Protein backbone atom coordinates (compact mmCIF):
# COMPACT_ATOMS: atom_id res chain seq x y z
CA MET A 1 13.92 33.55 -12.82
CA LYS A 2 13.08 30.55 -10.62
CA ILE A 3 11.94 27.17 -11.92
CA LYS A 4 11.19 23.78 -10.43
CA LEU A 5 12.74 20.68 -12.03
CA ASN A 6 10.68 17.49 -12.41
CA ILE A 7 13.12 15.29 -14.26
CA SER A 8 14.78 11.92 -13.85
CA SER A 9 17.55 11.61 -11.27
CA GLU A 10 19.98 10.53 -14.01
CA ARG A 11 19.78 13.92 -15.76
CA TYR A 12 18.91 16.18 -12.81
CA ASN A 13 22.42 17.45 -12.01
CA GLU A 14 23.33 17.93 -15.67
CA ILE A 15 20.24 20.03 -16.40
CA LYS A 16 20.45 21.92 -13.10
CA PHE A 17 24.07 22.90 -13.81
CA ALA A 18 23.26 24.02 -17.37
CA LEU A 19 20.34 26.19 -16.18
CA GLU A 20 22.26 27.72 -13.28
CA GLU A 21 25.09 28.66 -15.67
CA ARG A 22 22.50 30.69 -17.58
CA GLY A 23 21.34 32.50 -14.43
CA ILE A 24 18.21 30.44 -13.79
CA GLU A 25 17.60 29.57 -10.14
CA ILE A 26 16.29 26.10 -9.26
CA ASP A 27 13.64 26.28 -6.53
CA ASP A 28 11.11 23.61 -5.51
CA THR A 29 8.53 26.30 -4.67
CA ALA A 30 8.66 27.97 -8.11
CA ASP A 31 5.51 28.28 -10.21
CA LEU A 32 7.29 27.41 -13.46
CA VAL A 33 8.07 23.70 -13.90
CA LEU A 34 10.50 22.08 -16.31
CA SER A 35 9.82 18.40 -16.90
CA GLU A 36 10.94 15.73 -19.35
CA ALA A 37 8.50 14.34 -21.86
CA ASN A 38 7.43 10.75 -21.13
CA SER A 39 9.45 10.44 -17.97
CA PHE A 40 8.22 9.94 -14.46
CA ILE A 41 9.70 11.16 -11.23
CA ASP A 42 11.73 8.98 -8.86
CA ASN A 43 11.29 11.33 -5.89
CA LEU A 44 8.58 13.67 -4.67
CA ILE A 45 9.33 16.83 -2.69
CA VAL A 46 7.18 16.83 0.48
CA ARG A 47 7.15 18.59 3.83
CA GLU A 48 7.16 17.09 7.30
CA LYS A 49 3.88 17.92 9.01
CA GLY A 50 5.33 19.24 12.25
CA THR A 51 8.51 21.01 11.19
CA LYS A 52 7.60 21.90 7.57
CA ALA A 53 11.11 20.74 6.59
CA ARG A 54 11.39 19.67 2.96
CA ILE A 55 12.00 15.97 2.35
CA ILE A 56 12.93 14.19 -0.85
CA LEU A 57 10.64 11.16 -0.70
CA PRO A 58 11.27 8.19 -3.03
CA VAL A 59 8.02 7.41 -4.86
CA GLU A 60 8.38 3.70 -4.03
CA ASP A 61 7.74 4.63 -0.36
CA ILE A 62 4.32 6.12 -1.16
CA VAL A 63 1.30 4.05 -0.07
CA TYR A 64 -1.33 6.57 -1.18
CA ILE A 65 -1.89 10.28 -1.68
CA GLU A 66 -5.07 12.02 -0.54
CA SER A 67 -6.29 15.59 -0.91
CA PHE A 68 -8.44 17.47 1.57
CA GLY A 69 -9.40 20.69 -0.18
CA HIS A 70 -6.11 22.46 -0.90
CA ALA A 71 -4.08 20.23 1.44
CA VAL A 72 -2.53 17.12 -0.09
CA GLU A 73 -1.19 14.39 2.21
CA VAL A 74 1.28 11.70 1.18
CA GLN A 75 0.96 8.51 3.25
CA THR A 76 3.91 6.15 3.71
CA LEU A 77 4.40 3.20 6.05
CA LYS A 78 6.29 5.38 8.53
CA ALA A 79 4.79 8.88 8.30
CA VAL A 80 2.34 11.30 6.72
CA TYR A 81 3.78 14.21 4.74
CA GLN A 82 2.34 17.35 3.19
CA ALA A 83 2.75 17.54 -0.60
CA THR A 84 3.89 20.78 -2.22
CA ASP A 85 1.86 20.23 -5.44
CA ARG A 86 -1.81 19.73 -6.28
CA LEU A 87 -3.17 16.21 -6.77
CA TYR A 88 -3.75 16.60 -10.53
CA ARG A 89 -0.13 17.71 -10.95
CA ILE A 90 1.25 14.82 -8.87
CA ILE A 91 -0.67 12.16 -10.84
CA SER A 92 0.79 13.52 -14.07
CA LEU A 93 4.32 13.03 -12.67
CA LEU A 94 3.81 9.47 -11.44
CA ASP A 95 4.20 6.31 -13.53
CA PRO A 96 0.67 5.09 -14.48
CA GLU A 97 1.96 1.50 -14.31
CA LYS A 98 2.57 1.98 -10.56
CA PHE A 99 -0.04 4.55 -9.47
CA LEU A 100 -3.78 4.87 -10.07
CA ARG A 101 -6.32 7.54 -9.25
CA ILE A 102 -9.30 5.87 -7.55
CA SER A 103 -11.38 8.96 -6.72
CA ASN A 104 -11.25 12.71 -7.17
CA SER A 105 -9.19 12.92 -3.99
CA VAL A 106 -7.08 9.70 -3.81
CA ILE A 107 -4.15 8.18 -5.73
CA ILE A 108 -2.92 4.72 -4.70
CA ALA A 109 0.29 2.79 -5.25
CA ARG A 110 -0.68 -0.40 -7.08
CA ASN A 111 1.70 -2.66 -5.14
CA LYS A 112 0.60 -1.31 -1.74
CA VAL A 113 -3.00 -2.66 -1.84
CA LYS A 114 -3.48 -5.37 0.79
CA ARG A 115 -7.19 -6.15 0.41
CA ILE A 116 -9.96 -5.29 -2.07
CA THR A 117 -13.49 -5.45 -0.63
CA PRO A 118 -16.42 -5.01 -3.05
CA THR A 119 -19.59 -3.24 -1.91
CA LEU A 120 -23.16 -3.48 -3.18
CA SER A 121 -23.12 0.03 -4.62
CA SER A 122 -20.50 -0.41 -7.40
CA LYS A 123 -17.62 0.63 -5.18
CA PHE A 124 -14.58 -1.00 -3.65
CA ILE A 125 -13.01 -0.43 -0.26
CA LEU A 126 -9.25 -0.90 -0.34
CA THR A 127 -7.16 -1.75 2.68
CA MET A 128 -3.62 -0.53 2.14
CA ILE A 129 -0.50 -2.12 3.61
CA ASN A 130 -0.34 0.60 6.28
CA GLY A 131 -3.80 -0.49 7.53
CA LYS A 132 -5.69 2.56 6.23
CA SER A 133 -8.82 2.20 4.10
CA VAL A 134 -9.66 4.20 0.98
CA ASP A 135 -12.68 4.04 -1.31
CA VAL A 136 -12.79 3.52 -5.06
CA THR A 137 -15.69 5.74 -6.09
CA ARG A 138 -18.28 4.77 -8.67
CA SER A 139 -16.84 7.01 -11.36
CA TYR A 140 -13.48 5.20 -11.06
CA TYR A 141 -14.99 1.71 -10.51
CA TYR A 142 -14.53 0.36 -14.05
CA ILE A 143 -11.11 1.95 -14.48
CA PHE A 144 -10.03 0.23 -11.25
CA LYS A 145 -11.46 -3.13 -12.31
CA GLU A 146 -9.65 -2.99 -15.64
CA TYR A 147 -6.38 -1.85 -14.05
CA PHE A 148 -6.39 -4.76 -11.59
CA GLY A 149 -7.94 -7.27 -14.00
CA ILE A 150 -10.95 -7.96 -11.79
């Protein structure tokens, strides 16, 4: 049996060793996921776009995450990576104090917003620290305002 571990780095090796002793293989591509209750990940497994090599990306490096159909891209200051999970799964793993969903296809890092520009149609346009712009859609408008205290 193969499972994927989404647990804190402090307990990762302990749990991995215990599972492997019982004949369970740890694999980041497995469909079954073991995660801790009320804990959030420190790292996200992503792939490099060109080589498809797997990278362990610290979540503090994430500027925003955007989905395009089935493809999910993770933007950092230095590069763009391909996520191995769906957007709804990633948001459940991230700390809600640090990350916020602003549309059906975008999650932002709270501390990576450079500029907030309001529009006339109950939306915001955010400029992130990497210079890219993302939109807060109308359905997430009030959630965003409350989250940022606007």
